[in-house]
Amino acid sequence: MLKYLTIALLIPMNLSAASNEETLQYIIADYQAQCEKAQEDFRDINYKEGDPVIAELELSEDKI
Protein backbone atom coordinates (compact mmCIF):
# COMPACT_ATOMS: atom_id res chain seq x y z
CA MET A 1 0.00 0.00 0.00
CA LEU A 2 2.79 2.42 0.92
CA LYS A 3 4.54 1.63 -2.36
CA TYR A 4 1.46 2.69 -4.35
CA LEU A 5 1.05 5.83 -2.28
CA THR A 6 4.67 6.79 -2.93
CA ILE A 7 4.25 6.25 -6.67
CA ALA A 8 1.04 8.28 -6.65
CA LEU A 9 2.86 11.16 -4.93
CA LEU A 10 5.77 11.10 -7.40
CA ILE A 11 3.59 11.27 -10.53
CA PRO A 12 2.62 14.94 -10.04
CA MET A 13 6.29 15.83 -9.55
CA ASN A 14 7.10 14.43 -12.99
CA LEU A 15 4.21 16.35 -14.53
CA SER A 16 5.34 19.48 -12.75
CA ALA A 17 8.88 19.06 -14.10
CA ALA A 18 7.54 18.86 -17.65
CA SER A 19 5.44 21.93 -17.00
CA ASN A 20 8.46 23.79 -15.63
CA GLU A 21 10.50 22.79 -18.69
CA GLU A 22 7.76 24.02 -21.00
CA THR A 23 7.54 27.28 -19.08
CA LEU A 24 11.29 27.76 -19.28
CA GLN A 25 11.28 27.10 -23.04
CA TYR A 26 8.46 29.63 -23.46
CA ILE A 27 10.42 32.28 -21.52
CA ILE A 28 13.58 31.63 -23.55
CA ALA A 29 11.70 31.76 -26.86
CA ASP A 30 9.95 34.99 -25.86
CA TYR A 31 13.24 36.58 -24.80
CA GLN A 32 14.91 35.49 -28.05
CA ALA A 33 12.06 37.02 -30.07
CA GLN A 34 12.43 40.30 -28.18
CA CYS A 35 16.18 40.33 -28.80
CA GLU A 36 15.73 39.71 -32.52
CA LYS A 37 13.11 42.47 -32.71
CA ALA A 38 15.49 44.90 -31.00
CA GLN A 39 18.26 43.98 -33.43
CA GLU A 40 15.98 44.64 -36.41
CA ASP A 41 15.76 48.27 -35.33
CA PHE A 42 19.49 48.69 -35.98
CA ARG A 43 19.77 46.85 -39.31
CA ASP A 44 18.69 49.81 -41.40
CA ILE A 45 21.25 52.27 -40.06
CA ASN A 46 23.16 53.90 -42.92
CA TYR A 47 26.66 54.08 -41.45
CA LYS A 48 30.01 54.12 -43.15
CA GLU A 49 33.21 53.32 -41.32
CA GLY A 50 35.03 56.50 -40.37
CA ASP A 51 31.87 58.61 -40.14
CA PRO A 52 31.67 60.56 -36.90
CA VAL A 53 29.20 59.22 -34.39
CA ILE A 54 26.78 61.86 -33.19
CA ALA A 55 24.88 61.24 -29.99
CA GLU A 56 22.71 63.37 -27.78
CA LEU A 57 23.00 62.93 -24.05
CA GLU A 58 20.50 64.43 -21.67
CA LEU A 59 20.76 64.37 -17.90
CA SER A 60 18.27 65.79 -15.48
CA GLU A 61 19.55 68.33 -12.97
CA ASP A 62 19.23 65.89 -10.07
CA LYS A 63 21.61 63.46 -11.82
CA ILE A 64 24.42 65.99 -12.21
PDB file of N, CA and C in Angstrom:
ATOM      1  N   MET A   1       0.827  -1.191   0.000  1.00  0.00           N
ATOM      2  CA  MET A   1       0.000   0.000   0.000  1.00  0.00           C
ATOM      3  C   MET A   1       0.874   1.258   0.000  1.00  0.00           C
ATOM      4  N   LEU A   2       1.906   1.266   0.842  1.00  0.00           N
ATOM      5  CA  LEU A   2       2.789   2.424   0.924  1.00  0.00           C
ATOM      6  C   LEU A   2       3.520   2.639  -0.398  1.00  0.00           C
ATOM      7  N   LYS A   3       3.862   1.542  -1.066  1.00  0.00           N
ATOM      8  CA  LYS A   3       4.538   1.634  -2.358  1.00  0.00           C
ATOM      9  C   LYS A   3       3.658   2.365  -3.374  1.00  0.00           C
ATOM     10  N   TYR A   4       2.379   2.049  -3.411  1.00  0.00           N
ATOM     11  CA  TYR A   4       1.463   2.695  -4.349  1.00  0.00           C
ATOM     12  C   TYR A   4       1.233   4.162  -4.001  1.00  0.00           C
ATOM     13  N   LEU A   5       1.217   4.451  -2.720  1.00  0.00           N
ATOM     14  CA  LEU A   5       1.048   5.832  -2.277  1.00  0.00           C
ATOM     15  C   LEU A   5       2.263   6.657  -2.683  1.00  0.00           C
ATOM     16  N   THR A   6       3.445   6.101  -2.538  1.00  0.00           N
ATOM     17  CA  THR A   6       4.675   6.793  -2.931  1.00  0.00           C
ATOM     18  C   THR A   6       4.685   7.061  -4.432  1.00  0.00           C
ATOM     19  N   ILE A   7       4.306   6.080  -5.215  1.00  0.00           N
ATOM     20  CA  ILE A   7       4.251   6.246  -6.673  1.00  0.00           C
ATOM     21  C   ILE A   7       3.230   7.318  -7.040  1.00  0.00           C
ATOM     22  N   ALA A   8       2.087   7.295  -6.367  1.00  0.00           N
ATOM     23  CA  ALA A   8       1.042   8.280  -6.646  1.00  0.00           C
ATOM     24  C   ALA A   8       1.519   9.693  -6.313  1.00  0.00           C
ATOM     25  N   LEU A   9       2.343   9.835  -5.303  1.00  0.00           N
ATOM     26  CA  LEU A   9       2.857  11.162  -4.931  1.00  0.00           C
ATOM     27  C   LEU A   9       3.951  11.634  -5.894  1.00  0.00           C
ATOM     28  N   LEU A  10       4.687  10.720  -6.488  1.00  0.00           N
ATOM     29  CA  LEU A  10       5.767  11.097  -7.404  1.00  0.00           C
ATOM     30  C   LEU A  10       5.266  11.464  -8.793  1.00  0.00           C
ATOM     31  N   ILE A  11       4.128  10.977  -9.193  1.00  0.00           N
ATOM     32  CA  ILE A  11       3.595  11.267 -10.526  1.00  0.00           C
ATOM     33  C   ILE A  11       3.400  12.768 -10.741  1.00  0.00           C
ATOM     34  N   PRO A  12       2.768  13.493  -9.818  1.00  0.00           N
ATOM     35  CA  PRO A  12       2.616  14.937 -10.035  1.00  0.00           C
ATOM     36  C   PRO A  12       3.956  15.667 -10.134  1.00  0.00           C
ATOM     37  N   MET A  13       4.984  15.187  -9.456  1.00  0.00           N
ATOM     38  CA  MET A  13       6.292  15.830  -9.549  1.00  0.00           C
ATOM     39  C   MET A  13       6.836  15.734 -10.969  1.00  0.00           C
ATOM     40  N   ASN A  14       6.642  14.587 -11.609  1.00  0.00           N
ATOM     41  CA  ASN A  14       7.096  14.426 -12.993  1.00  0.00           C
ATOM     42  C   ASN A  14       6.311  15.346 -13.921  1.00  0.00           C
ATOM     43  N   LEU A  15       5.022  15.456 -13.709  1.00  0.00           N
ATOM     44  CA  LEU A  15       4.212  16.351 -14.532  1.00  0.00           C
ATOM     45  C   LEU A  15       4.612  17.793 -14.300  1.00  0.00           C
ATOM     46  N   SER A  16       4.913  18.121 -13.073  1.00  0.00           N
ATOM     47  CA  SER A  16       5.339  19.481 -12.749  1.00  0.00           C
ATOM     48  C   SER A  16       6.671  19.798 -13.416  1.00  0.00           C
ATOM     49  N   ALA A  17       7.580  18.842 -13.456  1.00  0.00           N
ATOM     50  CA  ALA A  17       8.880  19.061 -14.096  1.00  0.00           C
ATOM     51  C   ALA A  17       8.692  19.345 -15.584  1.00  0.00           C
ATOM     52  N   ALA A  18       7.795  18.612 -16.228  1.00  0.00           N
ATOM     53  CA  ALA A  18       7.535  18.865 -17.647  1.00  0.00           C
ATOM     54  C   ALA A  18       6.940  20.251 -17.825  1.00  0.00           C
ATOM     55  N   SER A  19       6.060  20.620 -16.927  1.00  0.00           N
ATOM     56  CA  SER A  19       5.435  21.932 -16.995  1.00  0.00           C
ATOM     57  C   SER A  19       6.484  23.028 -16.798  1.00  0.00           C
ATOM     58  N   ASN A  20       7.396  22.817 -15.866  1.00  0.00           N
ATOM     59  CA  ASN A  20       8.464  23.787 -15.634  1.00  0.00           C
ATOM     60  C   ASN A  20       9.363  23.908 -16.856  1.00  0.00           C
ATOM     61  N   GLU A  21       9.665  22.781 -17.489  1.00  0.00           N
ATOM     62  CA  GLU A  21      10.505  22.791 -18.690  1.00  0.00           C
ATOM     63  C   GLU A  21       9.809  23.550 -19.819  1.00  0.00           C
ATOM     64  N   GLU A  22       8.515  23.304 -19.979  1.00  0.00           N
ATOM     65  CA  GLU A  22       7.762  24.023 -21.004  1.00  0.00           C
ATOM     66  C   GLU A  22       7.726  25.520 -20.719  1.00  0.00           C
ATOM     67  N   THR A  23       7.552  25.872 -19.465  1.00  0.00           N
ATOM     68  CA  THR A  23       7.542  27.278 -19.076  1.00  0.00           C
ATOM     69  C   THR A  23       8.886  27.926 -19.364  1.00  0.00           C
ATOM     70  N   LEU A  24       9.949  27.241 -19.032  1.00  0.00           N
ATOM     71  CA  LEU A  24      11.288  27.761 -19.284  1.00  0.00           C
ATOM     72  C   LEU A  24      11.526  27.949 -20.781  1.00  0.00           C
ATOM     73  N   GLN A  25      11.117  26.983 -21.593  1.00  0.00           N
ATOM     74  CA  GLN A  25      11.277  27.103 -23.036  1.00  0.00           C
ATOM     75  C   GLN A  25      10.475  28.274 -23.586  1.00  0.00           C
ATOM     76  N   TYR A  26       9.284  28.495 -23.039  1.00  0.00           N
ATOM     77  CA  TYR A  26       8.459  29.632 -23.462  1.00  0.00           C
ATOM     78  C   TYR A  26       9.159  30.952 -23.136  1.00  0.00           C
ATOM     79  N   ILE A  27       9.722  31.052 -21.933  1.00  0.00           N
ATOM     80  CA  ILE A  27      10.416  32.279 -21.524  1.00  0.00           C
ATOM     81  C   ILE A  27      11.628  32.526 -22.421  1.00  0.00           C
ATOM     82  N   ILE A  28      12.396  31.485 -22.700  1.00  0.00           N
ATOM     83  CA  ILE A  28      13.582  31.628 -23.550  1.00  0.00           C
ATOM     84  C   ILE A  28      13.186  32.044 -24.960  1.00  0.00           C
ATOM     85  N   ALA A  29      12.145  31.425 -25.509  1.00  0.00           N
ATOM     86  CA  ALA A  29      11.699  31.762 -26.861  1.00  0.00           C
ATOM     87  C   ALA A  29      11.184  33.197 -26.926  1.00  0.00           C
ATOM     88  N   ASP A  30      10.460  33.620 -25.904  1.00  0.00           N
ATOM     89  CA  ASP A  30       9.950  34.990 -25.863  1.00  0.00           C
ATOM     90  C   ASP A  30      11.101  35.990 -25.773  1.00  0.00           C
ATOM     91  N   TYR A  31      12.081  35.701 -24.938  1.00  0.00           N
ATOM     92  CA  TYR A  31      13.242  36.580 -24.796  1.00  0.00           C
ATOM     93  C   TYR A  31      14.025  36.659 -26.107  1.00  0.00           C
ATOM     94  N   GLN A  32      14.199  35.518 -26.769  1.00  0.00           N
ATOM     95  CA  GLN A  32      14.913  35.494 -28.051  1.00  0.00           C
ATOM     96  C   GLN A  32      14.180  36.337 -29.085  1.00  0.00           C
ATOM     97  N   ALA A  33      12.859  36.229 -29.123  1.00  0.00           N
ATOM     98  CA  ALA A  33      12.062  37.018 -30.075  1.00  0.00           C
ATOM     99  C   ALA A  33      12.218  38.516 -29.798  1.00  0.00           C
ATOM    100  N   GLN A  34      12.241  38.893 -28.528  1.00  0.00           N
ATOM    101  CA  GLN A  34      12.426  40.304 -28.181  1.00  0.00           C
ATOM    102  C   GLN A  34      13.816  40.796 -28.591  1.00  0.00           C
ATOM    103  N   CYS A  35      14.825  39.964 -28.405  1.00  0.00           N
ATOM    104  CA  CYS A  35      16.183  40.330 -28.802  1.00  0.00           C
ATOM    105  C   CYS A  35      16.282  40.527 -30.311  1.00  0.00           C
ATOM    106  N   GLU A  36      15.692  39.607 -31.059  1.00  0.00           N
ATOM    107  CA  GLU A  36      15.729  39.712 -32.519  1.00  0.00           C
ATOM    108  C   GLU A  36      14.976  40.948 -32.995  1.00  0.00           C
ATOM    109  N   LYS A  37      13.873  41.275 -32.353  1.00  0.00           N
ATOM    110  CA  LYS A  37      13.109  42.471 -32.708  1.00  0.00           C
ATOM    111  C   LYS A  37      13.947  43.721 -32.440  1.00  0.00           C
ATOM    112  N   ALA A  38      14.648  43.755 -31.328  1.00  0.00           N
ATOM    113  CA  ALA A  38      15.494  44.903 -31.000  1.00  0.00           C
ATOM    114  C   ALA A  38      16.628  45.043 -32.007  1.00  0.00           C
ATOM    115  N   GLN A  39      17.173  43.934 -32.464  1.00  0.00           N
ATOM    116  CA  GLN A  39      18.264  43.979 -33.434  1.00  0.00           C
ATOM    117  C   GLN A  39      17.775  44.462 -34.792  1.00  0.00           C
ATOM    118  N   GLU A  40      16.527  44.168 -35.137  1.00  0.00           N
ATOM    119  CA  GLU A  40      15.982  44.635 -36.409  1.00  0.00           C
ATOM    120  C   GLU A  40      15.962  46.160 -36.484  1.00  0.00           C
ATOM    121  N   ASP A  41      15.804  46.816 -35.352  1.00  0.00           N
ATOM    122  CA  ASP A  41      15.756  48.274 -35.329  1.00  0.00           C
ATOM    123  C   ASP A  41      17.083  48.895 -35.762  1.00  0.00           C
ATOM    124  N   PHE A  42      18.177  48.149 -35.650  1.00  0.00           N
ATOM    125  CA  PHE A  42      19.486  48.689 -35.980  1.00  0.00           C
ATOM    126  C   PHE A  42      20.010  48.224 -37.333  1.00  0.00           C
ATOM    127  N   ARG A  43      19.290  47.381 -38.030  1.00  0.00           N
ATOM    128  CA  ARG A  43      19.774  46.848 -39.307  1.00  0.00           C
ATOM    129  C   ARG A  43      19.719  47.870 -40.429  1.00  0.00           C
ATOM    130  N   ASP A  44      18.862  48.851 -40.323  1.00  0.00           N
ATOM    131  CA  ASP A  44      18.690  49.810 -41.402  1.00  0.00           C
ATOM    132  C   ASP A  44      19.502  51.096 -41.208  1.00  0.00           C
ATOM    133  N   ILE A  45      20.434  51.076 -40.298  1.00  0.00           N
ATOM    134  CA  ILE A  45      21.247  52.268 -40.061  1.00  0.00           C
ATOM    135  C   ILE A  45      22.231  52.428 -41.216  1.00  0.00           C
ATOM    136  N   ASN A  46      22.257  53.602 -41.815  1.00  0.00           N
ATOM    137  CA  ASN A  46      23.162  53.898 -42.917  1.00  0.00           C
ATOM    138  C   ASN A  46      24.440  54.488 -42.311  1.00  0.00           C
ATOM    139  N   TYR A  47      25.431  53.656 -42.123  1.00  0.00           N
ATOM    140  CA  TYR A  47      26.656  54.076 -41.445  1.00  0.00           C
ATOM    141  C   TYR A  47      27.847  53.585 -42.248  1.00  0.00           C
ATOM    142  N   LYS A  48      28.769  54.487 -42.473  1.00  0.00           N
ATOM    143  CA  LYS A  48      30.012  54.123 -43.147  1.00  0.00           C
ATOM    144  C   LYS A  48      31.141  54.232 -42.143  1.00  0.00           C
ATOM    145  N   GLU A  49      32.083  53.305 -42.247  1.00  0.00           N
ATOM    146  CA  GLU A  49      33.212  53.317 -41.318  1.00  0.00           C
ATOM    147  C   GLU A  49      33.981  54.624 -41.471  1.00  0.00           C
ATOM    148  N   GLY A  50      34.305  55.225 -40.369  1.00  0.00           N
ATOM    149  CA  GLY A  50      35.026  56.497 -40.374  1.00  0.00           C
ATOM    150  C   GLY A  50      34.112  57.700 -40.189  1.00  0.00           C
ATOM    151  N   ASP A  51      32.807  57.517 -40.385  1.00  0.00           N
ATOM    152  CA  ASP A  51      31.869  58.613 -40.143  1.00  0.00           C
ATOM    153  C   ASP A  51      31.867  58.942 -38.653  1.00  0.00           C
ATOM    154  N   PRO A  52      31.751  60.214 -38.324  1.00  0.00           N
ATOM    155  CA  PRO A  52      31.671  60.560 -36.898  1.00  0.00           C
ATOM    156  C   PRO A  52      30.346  60.058 -36.311  1.00  0.00           C
ATOM    157  N   VAL A  53      30.401  59.677 -35.079  1.00  0.00           N
ATOM    158  CA  VAL A  53      29.204  59.218 -34.387  1.00  0.00           C
ATOM    159  C   VAL A  53      28.651  60.390 -33.597  1.00  0.00           C
ATOM    160  N   ILE A  54      27.413  60.734 -33.864  1.00  0.00           N
ATOM    161  CA  ILE A  54      26.775  61.855 -33.185  1.00  0.00           C
ATOM    162  C   ILE A  54      25.734  61.291 -32.228  1.00  0.00           C
ATOM    163  N   ALA A  55      25.831  61.715 -30.996  1.00  0.00           N
ATOM    164  CA  ALA A  55      24.883  61.241 -29.992  1.00  0.00           C
ATOM    165  C   ALA A  55      24.434  62.426 -29.146  1.00  0.00           C
ATOM    166  N   GLU A  56      23.236  62.328 -28.648  1.00  0.00           N
ATOM    167  CA  GLU A  56      22.711  63.372 -27.783  1.00  0.00           C
ATOM    168  C   GLU A  56      22.510  62.770 -26.404  1.00  0.00           C
ATOM    169  N   LEU A  57      23.080  63.422 -25.420  1.00  0.00           N
ATOM    170  CA  LEU A  57      22.998  62.929 -24.048  1.00  0.00           C
ATOM    171  C   LEU A  57      22.265  63.963 -23.219  1.00  0.00           C
ATOM    172  N   GLU A  58      21.245  63.534 -22.541  1.00  0.00           N
ATOM    173  CA  GLU A  58      20.496  64.431 -21.672  1.00  0.00           C
ATOM    174  C   GLU A  58      20.492  63.877 -20.260  1.00  0.00           C
ATOM    175  N   LEU A  59      20.803  64.740 -19.313  1.00  0.00           N
ATOM    176  CA  LEU A  59      20.756  64.369 -17.902  1.00  0.00           C
ATOM    177  C   LEU A  59      19.871  65.368 -17.168  1.00  0.00           C
ATOM    178  N   SER A  60      19.081  64.863 -16.280  1.00  0.00           N
ATOM    179  CA  SER A  60      18.274  65.790 -15.482  1.00  0.00           C
ATOM    180  C   SER A  60      19.178  66.442 -14.434  1.00  0.00           C
ATOM    181  N   GLU A  61      18.753  67.566 -13.928  1.00  0.00           N
ATOM    182  CA  GLU A  61      19.554  68.328 -12.969  1.00  0.00           C
ATOM    183  C   GLU A  61      19.880  67.514 -11.726  1.00  0.00           C
ATOM    184  N   ASP A  62      18.986  66.669 -11.291  1.00  0.00           N
ATOM    185  CA  ASP A  62      19.232  65.890 -10.068  1.00  0.00           C
ATOM    186  C   ASP A  62      20.262  64.771 -10.282  1.00  0.00           C
ATOM    187  N   LYS A  63      20.624  64.486 -11.522  1.00  0.00           N
ATOM    188  CA  LYS A  63      21.611  63.464 -11.824  1.00  0.00           C
ATOM    189  C   LYS A  63      23.031  64.040 -11.950  1.00  0.00           C
ATOM    190  N   ILE A  64      23.115  65.351 -12.038  1.00  0.00           N
ATOM    191  CA  ILE A  64      24.416  65.991 -12.210  1.00  0.00           C
ATOM    192  C   ILE A  64      25.062  66.263 -10.872  1.00  0.00           C
TER     193      ILE A  64
END
